[in-house]
Structures are given as C-alpha cells and as structure tokens.
Amino acid sequence: NAAATVSLDPIHFCGGNTTYEALAMGLPVVTMPSSFLRGRISGA
C-alpha cells in the first residue's frame, strides 16, 4: 500500500478495514459512495 500509486475502491460494496490501512500509509483511495452503508465507508 505504501509503495503503490492509487487504491481503487469497488463500487456498491467498498472497503472498510482496507481503507483505514491504505490511508494510514498515505495511499489515496478513490471511492464512489452508493445509497447503502456497504458502499459508503470510505467516503465517510
């Protein structure tokens, strides 16, 4: 995560734990929140 360029968050069912870890390493996560909680964690 620290060495990569970008993290791609899936649509409809995004990352949670994975997003915490990517952001802690300074890796930008691109996300597109949905209407349901399962797609909104990274955006939150």
All heavy atoms as atom14 arrays in JSON, in Angstrom:
{
  "sequence": "NAAATVSLDPIHFCGGNTTYEALAMGLPVVTMPSSFLRGRISGA",
  "atom14_mask": [
    [1, 1, 1, 1, 1, 1, 1, 1, 0, 0, 0, 0, 0, 0],
    [1, 1, 1, 1, 1, 0, 0, 0, 0, 0, 0, 0, 0, 0],
    [1, 1, 1, 1, 1, 0, 0, 0, 0, 0, 0, 0, 0, 0],
    [1, 1, 1, 1, 1, 0, 0, 0, 0, 0, 0, 0, 0, 0],
    [1, 1, 1, 1, 1, 1, 1, 0, 0, 0, 0, 0, 0, 0],
    [1, 1, 1, 1, 1, 1, 1, 0, 0, 0, 0, 0, 0, 0],
    [1, 1, 1, 1, 1, 1, 0, 0, 0, 0, 0, 0, 0, 0],
    [1, 1, 1, 1, 1, 1, 1, 1, 0, 0, 0, 0, 0, 0],
    [1, 1, 1, 1, 1, 1, 1, 1, 0, 0, 0, 0, 0, 0],
    [1, 1, 1, 1, 1, 1, 1, 0, 0, 0, 0, 0, 0, 0],
    [1, 1, 1, 1, 1, 1, 1, 1, 0, 0, 0, 0, 0, 0],
    [1, 1, 1, 1, 1, 1, 1, 1, 1, 1, 0, 0, 0, 0],
    [1, 1, 1, 1, 1, 1, 1, 1, 1, 1, 1, 0, 0, 0],
    [1, 1, 1, 1, 1, 1, 0, 0, 0, 0, 0, 0, 0, 0],
    [1, 1, 1, 1, 0, 0, 0, 0, 0, 0, 0, 0, 0, 0],
    [1, 1, 1, 1, 0, 0, 0, 0, 0, 0, 0, 0, 0, 0],
    [1, 1, 1, 1, 1, 1, 1, 1, 0, 0, 0, 0, 0, 0],
    [1, 1, 1, 1, 1, 1, 1, 0, 0, 0, 0, 0, 0, 0],
    [1, 1, 1, 1, 1, 1, 1, 0, 0, 0, 0, 0, 0, 0],
    [1, 1, 1, 1, 1, 1, 1, 1, 1, 1, 1, 1, 0, 0],
    [1, 1, 1, 1, 1, 1, 1, 1, 1, 0, 0, 0, 0, 0],
    [1, 1, 1, 1, 1, 0, 0, 0, 0, 0, 0, 0, 0, 0],
    [1, 1, 1, 1, 1, 1, 1, 1, 0, 0, 0, 0, 0, 0],
    [1, 1, 1, 1, 1, 0, 0, 0, 0, 0, 0, 0, 0, 0],
    [1, 1, 1, 1, 1, 1, 1, 1, 0, 0, 0, 0, 0, 0],
    [1, 1, 1, 1, 0, 0, 0, 0, 0, 0, 0, 0, 0, 0],
    [1, 1, 1, 1, 1, 1, 1, 1, 0, 0, 0, 0, 0, 0],
    [1, 1, 1, 1, 1, 1, 1, 0, 0, 0, 0, 0, 0, 0],
    [1, 1, 1, 1, 1, 1, 1, 0, 0, 0, 0, 0, 0, 0],
    [1, 1, 1, 1, 1, 1, 1, 0, 0, 0, 0, 0, 0, 0],
    [1, 1, 1, 1, 1, 1, 1, 0, 0, 0, 0, 0, 0, 0],
    [1, 1, 1, 1, 1, 1, 1, 1, 0, 0, 0, 0, 0, 0],
    [1, 1, 1, 1, 1, 1, 1, 0, 0, 0, 0, 0, 0, 0],
    [1, 1, 1, 1, 1, 1, 0, 0, 0, 0, 0, 0, 0, 0],
    [1, 1, 1, 1, 1, 1, 0, 0, 0, 0, 0, 0, 0, 0],
    [1, 1, 1, 1, 1, 1, 1, 1, 1, 1, 1, 0, 0, 0],
    [1, 1, 1, 1, 1, 1, 1, 1, 0, 0, 0, 0, 0, 0],
    [1, 1, 1, 1, 1, 1, 1, 1, 1, 1, 1, 0, 0, 0],
    [1, 1, 1, 1, 0, 0, 0, 0, 0, 0, 0, 0, 0, 0],
    [1, 1, 1, 1, 1, 1, 1, 1, 1, 1, 1, 0, 0, 0],
    [1, 1, 1, 1, 1, 1, 1, 1, 0, 0, 0, 0, 0, 0],
    [1, 1, 1, 1, 1, 1, 0, 0, 0, 0, 0, 0, 0, 0],
    [1, 1, 1, 1, 0, 0, 0, 0, 0, 0, 0, 0, 0, 0],
    [1, 1, 1, 1, 1, 0, 0, 0, 0, 0, 0, 0, 0, 0]
  ],
  "atom14_positions": [
    [[0.83, -1.2, 0.0], [0.0, 0.0, 0.0], [0.87, 1.26, 0.0], [0.56, 2.23, -0.68], [-0.92, 0.0, 1.23], [-2.23, -0.7, 1.0], [-3.22, -0.1, 0.59], [-2.24, -2.0, 1.26], [0.0, 0.0, 0.0], [0.0, 0.0, 0.0], [0.0, 0.0, 0.0], [0.0, 0.0, 0.0], [0.0, 0.0, 0.0], [0.0, 0.0, 0.0]],
    [[1.94, 1.23, 0.77], [2.81, 2.4, 0.84], [3.56, 2.63, -0.46], [3.91, 3.77, -0.79], [3.8, 2.23, 1.99], [0.0, 0.0, 0.0], [0.0, 0.0, 0.0], [0.0, 0.0, 0.0], [0.0, 0.0, 0.0], [0.0, 0.0, 0.0], [0.0, 0.0, 0.0], [0.0, 0.0, 0.0], [0.0, 0.0, 0.0], [0.0, 0.0, 0.0]],
    [[3.81, 1.58, -1.23], [4.6, 1.69, -2.46], [3.74, 1.94, -3.7], [4.25, 2.4, -4.73], [5.42, 0.42, -2.67], [0.0, 0.0, 0.0], [0.0, 0.0, 0.0], [0.0, 0.0, 0.0], [0.0, 0.0, 0.0], [0.0, 0.0, 0.0], [0.0, 0.0, 0.0], [0.0, 0.0, 0.0], [0.0, 0.0, 0.0], [0.0, 0.0, 0.0]],
    [[2.45, 1.65, -3.64], [1.58, 1.74, -4.81], [1.22, 3.2, -5.13], [1.55, 4.12, -4.38], [0.32, 0.92, -4.58], [0.0, 0.0, 0.0], [0.0, 0.0, 0.0], [0.0, 0.0, 0.0], [0.0, 0.0, 0.0], [0.0, 0.0, 0.0], [0.0, 0.0, 0.0], [0.0, 0.0, 0.0], [0.0, 0.0, 0.0], [0.0, 0.0, 0.0]],
    [[0.52, 3.38, -6.24], [0.16, 4.72, -6.71], [-1.23, 5.14, -6.26], [-1.43, 6.24, -5.75], [0.24, 4.77, -8.25], [1.43, 4.13, -8.7], [0.23, 6.2, -8.74], [0.0, 0.0, 0.0], [0.0, 0.0, 0.0], [0.0, 0.0, 0.0], [0.0, 0.0, 0.0], [0.0, 0.0, 0.0], [0.0, 0.0, 0.0], [0.0, 0.0, 0.0]],
    [[-2.21, 4.27, -6.45], [-3.6, 4.57, -6.17], [-4.28, 3.31, -5.64], [-3.91, 2.19, -6.02], [-4.36, 5.03, -7.44], [-5.76, 5.55, -7.09], [-3.59, 6.08, -8.22], [0.0, 0.0, 0.0], [0.0, 0.0, 0.0], [0.0, 0.0, 0.0], [0.0, 0.0, 0.0], [0.0, 0.0, 0.0], [0.0, 0.0, 0.0], [0.0, 0.0, 0.0]],
    [[-5.3, 3.47, -4.78], [-6.18, 2.37, -4.4], [-7.55, 2.61, -5.01], [-8.1, 3.71, -4.92], [-6.3, 2.28, -2.88], [-7.21, 1.26, -2.51], [0.0, 0.0, 0.0], [0.0, 0.0, 0.0], [0.0, 0.0, 0.0], [0.0, 0.0, 0.0], [0.0, 0.0, 0.0], [0.0, 0.0, 0.0], [0.0, 0.0, 0.0], [0.0, 0.0, 0.0]],
    [[-8.09, 1.59, -5.67], [-9.4, 1.67, -6.3], [-10.44, 0.99, -5.41], [-10.37, -0.22, -5.18], [-9.37, 1.0, -7.68], [-8.36, 1.55, -8.68], [-8.42, 0.74, -9.98], [-8.6, 3.03, -8.95], [0.0, 0.0, 0.0], [0.0, 0.0, 0.0], [0.0, 0.0, 0.0], [0.0, 0.0, 0.0], [0.0, 0.0, 0.0], [0.0, 0.0, 0.0]],
    [[-11.38, 1.76, -4.91], [-12.45, 1.24, -4.07], [-13.56, 0.71, -4.97], [-14.05, 1.45, -5.82], [-12.98, 2.38, -3.19], [-13.44, 1.93, -1.83], [-13.01, 0.86, -1.37], [-14.21, 2.67, -1.2], [0.0, 0.0, 0.0], [0.0, 0.0, 0.0], [0.0, 0.0, 0.0], [0.0, 0.0, 0.0], [0.0, 0.0, 0.0], [0.0, 0.0, 0.0]],
    [[-13.98, -0.54, -4.83], [-15.06, -1.03, -5.68], [-16.35, -0.24, -5.47], [-16.57, 0.32, -4.39], [-15.25, -2.49, -5.23], [-14.0, -2.85, -4.51], [-13.5, -1.58, -3.9], [0.0, 0.0, 0.0], [0.0, 0.0, 0.0], [0.0, 0.0, 0.0], [0.0, 0.0, 0.0], [0.0, 0.0, 0.0], [0.0, 0.0, 0.0], [0.0, 0.0, 0.0]],
    [[-17.19, -0.2, -6.48], [-18.48, 0.46, -6.32], [-19.48, -0.54, -5.75], [-19.3, -1.75, -5.85], [-18.99, 1.03, -7.66], [-19.18, -0.07, -8.7], [-18.01, 2.08, -8.19], [-19.84, 0.41, -9.98], [0.0, 0.0, 0.0], [0.0, 0.0, 0.0], [0.0, 0.0, 0.0], [0.0, 0.0, 0.0], [0.0, 0.0, 0.0], [0.0, 0.0, 0.0]],
    [[-20.5, -0.04, -5.1], [-21.58, -0.8, -4.46], [-21.17, -1.44, -3.13], [-21.95, -1.47, -2.2], [-22.16, -1.87, -5.38], [-22.67, -1.36, -6.7], [-23.54, -0.29, -6.8], [-22.43, -1.76, -7.98], [-23.81, -0.06, -8.07], [-23.15, -0.93, -8.8], [0.0, 0.0, 0.0], [0.0, 0.0, 0.0], [0.0, 0.0, 0.0], [0.0, 0.0, 0.0]],
    [[-19.97, -1.99, -3.05], [-19.51, -2.65, -1.8], [-18.04, -2.27, -1.64], [-17.16, -2.88, -2.22], [-19.68, -4.16, -1.91], [-19.69, -4.88, -0.57], [-20.41, -6.05, -0.43], [-18.99, -4.41, 0.52], [-20.44, -6.75, 0.78], [-19.0, -5.08, 1.73], [-19.73, -6.26, 1.86], [0.0, 0.0, 0.0], [0.0, 0.0, 0.0], [0.0, 0.0, 0.0]],
    [[-17.8, -1.23, -0.84], [-16.46, -0.64, -0.79], [-15.62, -1.29, 0.31], [-16.04, -2.22, 0.97], [-16.57, 0.86, -0.55], [-17.13, 1.31, 1.11], [0.0, 0.0, 0.0], [0.0, 0.0, 0.0], [0.0, 0.0, 0.0], [0.0, 0.0, 0.0], [0.0, 0.0, 0.0], [0.0, 0.0, 0.0], [0.0, 0.0, 0.0], [0.0, 0.0, 0.0]],
    [[-14.43, -0.79, 0.5], [-13.55, -1.25, 1.56], [-13.88, -0.58, 2.88], [-14.51, 0.48, 2.94], [0.0, 0.0, 0.0], [0.0, 0.0, 0.0], [0.0, 0.0, 0.0], [0.0, 0.0, 0.0], [0.0, 0.0, 0.0], [0.0, 0.0, 0.0], [0.0, 0.0, 0.0], [0.0, 0.0, 0.0], [0.0, 0.0, 0.0], [0.0, 0.0, 0.0]],
    [[-13.46, -1.21, 3.96], [-13.59, -0.63, 5.3], [-12.24, -0.69, 5.97], [-11.47, 0.28, 5.97], [0.0, 0.0, 0.0], [0.0, 0.0, 0.0], [0.0, 0.0, 0.0], [0.0, 0.0, 0.0], [0.0, 0.0, 0.0], [0.0, 0.0, 0.0], [0.0, 0.0, 0.0], [0.0, 0.0, 0.0], [0.0, 0.0, 0.0], [0.0, 0.0, 0.0]],
    [[-11.9, -1.85, 6.52], [-10.59, -2.06, 7.11], [-9.48, -1.72, 6.12], [-8.48, -1.08, 6.45], [-10.47, -3.53, 7.54], [-9.17, -3.86, 8.23], [-8.95, -3.49, 9.36], [-8.3, -4.56, 7.52], [0.0, 0.0, 0.0], [0.0, 0.0, 0.0], [0.0, 0.0, 0.0], [0.0, 0.0, 0.0], [0.0, 0.0, 0.0], [0.0, 0.0, 0.0]],
    [[-9.66, -2.13, 4.85], [-8.65, -1.87, 3.82], [-8.44, -0.38, 3.61], [-7.31, 0.07, 3.37], [-9.08, -2.52, 2.5], [-9.46, -3.87, 2.75], [-7.94, -2.51, 1.49], [0.0, 0.0, 0.0], [0.0, 0.0, 0.0], [0.0, 0.0, 0.0], [0.0, 0.0, 0.0], [0.0, 0.0, 0.0], [0.0, 0.0, 0.0], [0.0, 0.0, 0.0]],
    [[-9.51, 0.4, 3.71], [-9.39, 1.85, 3.53], [-8.65, 2.47, 4.71], [-7.79, 3.35, 4.53], [-10.77, 2.49, 3.34], [-11.42, 1.88, 2.22], [-10.64, 3.98, 3.1], [0.0, 0.0, 0.0], [0.0, 0.0, 0.0], [0.0, 0.0, 0.0], [0.0, 0.0, 0.0], [0.0, 0.0, 0.0], [0.0, 0.0, 0.0], [0.0, 0.0, 0.0]],
    [[-8.98, 2.05, 5.93], [-8.22, 2.53, 7.09], [-6.72, 2.31, 6.86], [-5.89, 3.2, 7.11], [-8.64, 1.77, 8.34], [-9.81, 2.33, 9.11], [-11.03, 1.65, 9.15], [-9.7, 3.5, 9.84], [-12.1, 2.14, 9.88], [-10.76, 3.99, 10.59], [-11.96, 3.31, 10.6], [-13.02, 3.8, 11.33], [0.0, 0.0, 0.0], [0.0, 0.0, 0.0]],
    [[-6.35, 1.11, 6.42], [-4.94, 0.76, 6.28], [-4.28, 1.52, 5.13], [-3.14, 1.98, 5.26], [-4.81, -0.75, 6.08], [-5.2, -1.52, 7.34], [-5.12, -3.02, 7.18], [-5.39, -3.53, 6.07], [-4.79, -3.7, 8.17], [0.0, 0.0, 0.0], [0.0, 0.0, 0.0], [0.0, 0.0, 0.0], [0.0, 0.0, 0.0], [0.0, 0.0, 0.0]],
    [[-4.99, 1.7, 4.02], [-4.43, 2.45, 2.89], [-4.17, 3.91, 3.29], [-3.09, 4.46, 3.02], [-5.37, 2.38, 1.7], [0.0, 0.0, 0.0], [0.0, 0.0, 0.0], [0.0, 0.0, 0.0], [0.0, 0.0, 0.0], [0.0, 0.0, 0.0], [0.0, 0.0, 0.0], [0.0, 0.0, 0.0], [0.0, 0.0, 0.0], [0.0, 0.0, 0.0]],
    [[-5.16, 4.53, 3.93], [-5.0, 5.93, 4.31], [-3.88, 6.11, 5.34], [-3.16, 7.11, 5.32], [-6.32, 6.49, 4.85], [-7.48, 6.51, 3.85], [-8.76, 6.98, 4.53], [-7.15, 7.4, 2.65], [0.0, 0.0, 0.0], [0.0, 0.0, 0.0], [0.0, 0.0, 0.0], [0.0, 0.0, 0.0], [0.0, 0.0, 0.0], [0.0, 0.0, 0.0]],
    [[-3.72, 5.14, 6.23], [-2.64, 5.22, 7.21], [-1.28, 5.19, 6.54], [-0.3, 5.72, 7.08], [-2.75, 4.07, 8.21], [0.0, 0.0, 0.0], [0.0, 0.0, 0.0], [0.0, 0.0, 0.0], [0.0, 0.0, 0.0], [0.0, 0.0, 0.0], [0.0, 0.0, 0.0], [0.0, 0.0, 0.0], [0.0, 0.0, 0.0], [0.0, 0.0, 0.0]],
    [[-1.2, 4.57, 5.36], [0.06, 4.52, 4.6], [0.19, 5.71, 3.64], [1.17, 5.79, 2.89], [0.14, 3.21, 3.8], [0.14, 1.95, 4.64], [1.53, 1.83, 5.8], [0.67, 2.03, 7.38], [0.0, 0.0, 0.0], [0.0, 0.0, 0.0], [0.0, 0.0, 0.0], [0.0, 0.0, 0.0], [0.0, 0.0, 0.0], [0.0, 0.0, 0.0]],
    [[-0.81, 6.6, 3.62], [-0.78, 7.75, 2.72], [-1.19, 7.41, 1.3], [-0.95, 8.2, 0.38], [0.0, 0.0, 0.0], [0.0, 0.0, 0.0], [0.0, 0.0, 0.0], [0.0, 0.0, 0.0], [0.0, 0.0, 0.0], [0.0, 0.0, 0.0], [0.0, 0.0, 0.0], [0.0, 0.0, 0.0], [0.0, 0.0, 0.0], [0.0, 0.0, 0.0]],
    [[-1.84, 6.26, 1.08], [-2.25, 5.86, -0.26], [-3.63, 6.43, -0.56], [-4.6, 6.11, 0.12], [-2.27, 4.34, -0.37], [-2.75, 3.75, -1.7], [-1.79, 4.13, -2.83], [-2.9, 2.23, -1.61], [0.0, 0.0, 0.0], [0.0, 0.0, 0.0], [0.0, 0.0, 0.0], [0.0, 0.0, 0.0], [0.0, 0.0, 0.0], [0.0, 0.0, 0.0]],
    [[-3.76, 7.27, -1.6], [-5.09, 7.8, -1.95], [-6.03, 6.69, -2.39], [-5.66, 5.82, -3.19], [-4.79, 8.76, -3.11], [-3.33, 9.09, -2.99], [-2.7, 7.84, -2.45], [0.0, 0.0, 0.0], [0.0, 0.0, 0.0], [0.0, 0.0, 0.0], [0.0, 0.0, 0.0], [0.0, 0.0, 0.0], [0.0, 0.0, 0.0], [0.0, 0.0, 0.0]],
    [[-7.24, 6.71, -1.86], [-8.28, 5.75, -2.21], [-9.36, 6.5, -2.98], [-9.93, 7.47, -2.47], [-8.89, 5.11, -0.95], [-10.01, 4.13, -1.33], [-7.82, 4.42, -0.11], [0.0, 0.0, 0.0], [0.0, 0.0, 0.0], [0.0, 0.0, 0.0], [0.0, 0.0, 0.0], [0.0, 0.0, 0.0], [0.0, 0.0, 0.0], [0.0, 0.0, 0.0]],
    [[-9.63, 6.07, -4.2], [-10.72, 6.67, -4.98], [-11.98, 5.87, -4.72], [-11.98, 4.64, -4.81], [-10.38, 6.68, -6.48], [-11.53, 7.31, -7.27], [-9.09, 7.43, -6.74], [0.0, 0.0, 0.0], [0.0, 0.0, 0.0], [0.0, 0.0, 0.0], [0.0, 0.0, 0.0], [0.0, 0.0, 0.0], [0.0, 0.0, 0.0], [0.0, 0.0, 0.0]],
    [[-13.06, 6.57, -4.38], [-14.29, 5.88, -4.0], [-15.49, 6.58, -4.6], [-15.43, 7.77, -4.95], [-14.42, 5.81, -2.46], [-15.48, 4.94, -2.09], [-14.64, 7.18, -1.85], [0.0, 0.0, 0.0], [0.0, 0.0, 0.0], [0.0, 0.0, 0.0], [0.0, 0.0, 0.0], [0.0, 0.0, 0.0], [0.0, 0.0, 0.0], [0.0, 0.0, 0.0]],
    [[-16.59, 5.84, -4.74], [-17.85, 6.41, -5.24], [-18.98, 5.87, -4.35], [-19.47, 4.76, -4.55], [-18.09, 6.02, -6.7], [-19.26, 6.75, -7.34], [-19.4, 6.46, -9.12], [-20.13, 4.83, -9.16], [0.0, 0.0, 0.0], [0.0, 0.0, 0.0], [0.0, 0.0, 0.0], [0.0, 0.0, 0.0], [0.0, 0.0, 0.0], [0.0, 0.0, 0.0]],
    [[-19.4, 6.64, -3.34], [-20.41, 6.16, -2.4], [-21.73, 5.81, -3.08], [-22.13, 6.45, -4.04], [-20.58, 7.34, -1.43], [-19.3, 8.12, -1.56], [-18.89, 7.98, -2.99], [0.0, 0.0, 0.0], [0.0, 0.0, 0.0], [0.0, 0.0, 0.0], [0.0, 0.0, 0.0], [0.0, 0.0, 0.0], [0.0, 0.0, 0.0], [0.0, 0.0, 0.0]],
    [[-22.39, 4.78, -2.52], [-23.7, 4.37, -3.0], [-24.75, 4.81, -1.99], [-24.46, 5.54, -1.04], [-23.73, 2.85, -3.19], [-23.67, 2.21, -1.91], [0.0, 0.0, 0.0], [0.0, 0.0, 0.0], [0.0, 0.0, 0.0], [0.0, 0.0, 0.0], [0.0, 0.0, 0.0], [0.0, 0.0, 0.0], [0.0, 0.0, 0.0], [0.0, 0.0, 0.0]],
    [[-25.97, 4.34, -2.16], [-27.06, 4.72, -1.25], [-27.03, 3.93, 0.05], [-27.67, 4.31, 1.02], [-28.42, 4.49, -1.93], [-28.53, 5.3, -3.08], [0.0, 0.0, 0.0], [0.0, 0.0, 0.0], [0.0, 0.0, 0.0], [0.0, 0.0, 0.0], [0.0, 0.0, 0.0], [0.0, 0.0, 0.0], [0.0, 0.0, 0.0], [0.0, 0.0, 0.0]],
    [[-26.3, 2.8, 0.06], [-26.32, 1.9, 1.2], [-25.0, 1.94, 1.94], [-23.94, 2.18, 1.35], [-26.62, 0.47, 0.74], [-27.94, 0.33, 0.04], [-28.01, 0.23, -1.33], [-29.12, 0.33, 0.77], [-29.23, 0.1, -1.98], [-30.36, 0.2, 0.14], [-30.41, 0.1, -1.24], [0.0, 0.0, 0.0], [0.0, 0.0, 0.0], [0.0, 0.0, 0.0]],
    [[-25.05, 1.64, 3.23], [-23.87, 1.7, 4.09], [-22.69, 0.94, 3.49], [-21.55, 1.38, 3.56], [-24.23, 1.13, 5.47], [-23.18, 1.18, 6.59], [-23.86, 1.15, 7.94], [-22.16, 0.05, 6.51], [0.0, 0.0, 0.0], [0.0, 0.0, 0.0], [0.0, 0.0, 0.0], [0.0, 0.0, 0.0], [0.0, 0.0, 0.0], [0.0, 0.0, 0.0]],
    [[-22.95, -0.22, 2.88], [-21.86, -1.07, 2.39], [-21.03, -0.39, 1.3], [-19.94, -0.85, 0.99], [-22.42, -2.4, 1.87], [-23.47, -2.29, 0.78], [-24.02, -3.66, 0.43], [-25.15, -3.61, -0.49], [-26.42, -3.56, -0.11], [-26.72, -3.51, 1.18], [-27.4, -3.55, -1.0], [0.0, 0.0, 0.0], [0.0, 0.0, 0.0], [0.0, 0.0, 0.0]],
    [[-21.54, 0.69, 0.74], [-20.77, 1.41, -0.26], [-20.32, 2.78, 0.19], [-19.83, 3.58, -0.62], [0.0, 0.0, 0.0], [0.0, 0.0, 0.0], [0.0, 0.0, 0.0], [0.0, 0.0, 0.0], [0.0, 0.0, 0.0], [0.0, 0.0, 0.0], [0.0, 0.0, 0.0], [0.0, 0.0, 0.0], [0.0, 0.0, 0.0], [0.0, 0.0, 0.0]],
    [[-20.44, 3.09, 1.5], [-20.23, 4.45, 1.96], [-19.12, 4.6, 2.99], [-18.86, 5.71, 3.47], [-21.54, 5.0, 2.56], [-22.69, 5.03, 1.59], [-23.97, 5.55, 2.23], [-23.81, 6.92, 2.69], [-23.96, 7.99, 1.93], [-24.27, 7.86, 0.65], [-23.8, 9.2, 2.43], [0.0, 0.0, 0.0], [0.0, 0.0, 0.0], [0.0, 0.0, 0.0]],
    [[-18.44, 3.52, 3.35], [-17.48, 3.6, 4.46], [-16.29, 4.47, 4.1], [-15.89, 5.35, 4.87], [-17.04, 2.19, 4.88], [-18.26, 1.39, 5.35], [-16.0, 2.25, 5.99], [-18.0, -0.09, 5.55], [0.0, 0.0, 0.0], [0.0, 0.0, 0.0], [0.0, 0.0, 0.0], [0.0, 0.0, 0.0], [0.0, 0.0, 0.0], [0.0, 0.0, 0.0]],
    [[-15.7, 4.27, 2.93], [-14.53, 5.08, 2.55], [-14.9, 6.55, 2.46], [-14.14, 7.43, 2.91], [-13.96, 4.59, 1.21], [-13.55, 3.25, 1.3], [0.0, 0.0, 0.0], [0.0, 0.0, 0.0], [0.0, 0.0, 0.0], [0.0, 0.0, 0.0], [0.0, 0.0, 0.0], [0.0, 0.0, 0.0], [0.0, 0.0, 0.0], [0.0, 0.0, 0.0]],
    [[-16.06, 6.86, 1.89], [-16.49, 8.25, 1.8], [-16.68, 8.87, 3.17], [-16.37, 10.05, 3.39], [0.0, 0.0, 0.0], [0.0, 0.0, 0.0], [0.0, 0.0, 0.0], [0.0, 0.0, 0.0], [0.0, 0.0, 0.0], [0.0, 0.0, 0.0], [0.0, 0.0, 0.0], [0.0, 0.0, 0.0], [0.0, 0.0, 0.0], [0.0, 0.0, 0.0]],
    [[-17.19, 8.07, 4.13], [-17.38, 8.58, 5.49], [-16.04, 8.89, 6.15], [-15.9, 9.89, 6.88], [-18.15, 7.57, 6.32], [0.0, 0.0, 0.0], [0.0, 0.0, 0.0], [0.0, 0.0, 0.0], [0.0, 0.0, 0.0], [0.0, 0.0, 0.0], [0.0, 0.0, 0.0], [0.0, 0.0, 0.0], [0.0, 0.0, 0.0], [0.0, 0.0, 0.0]]
  ]
}
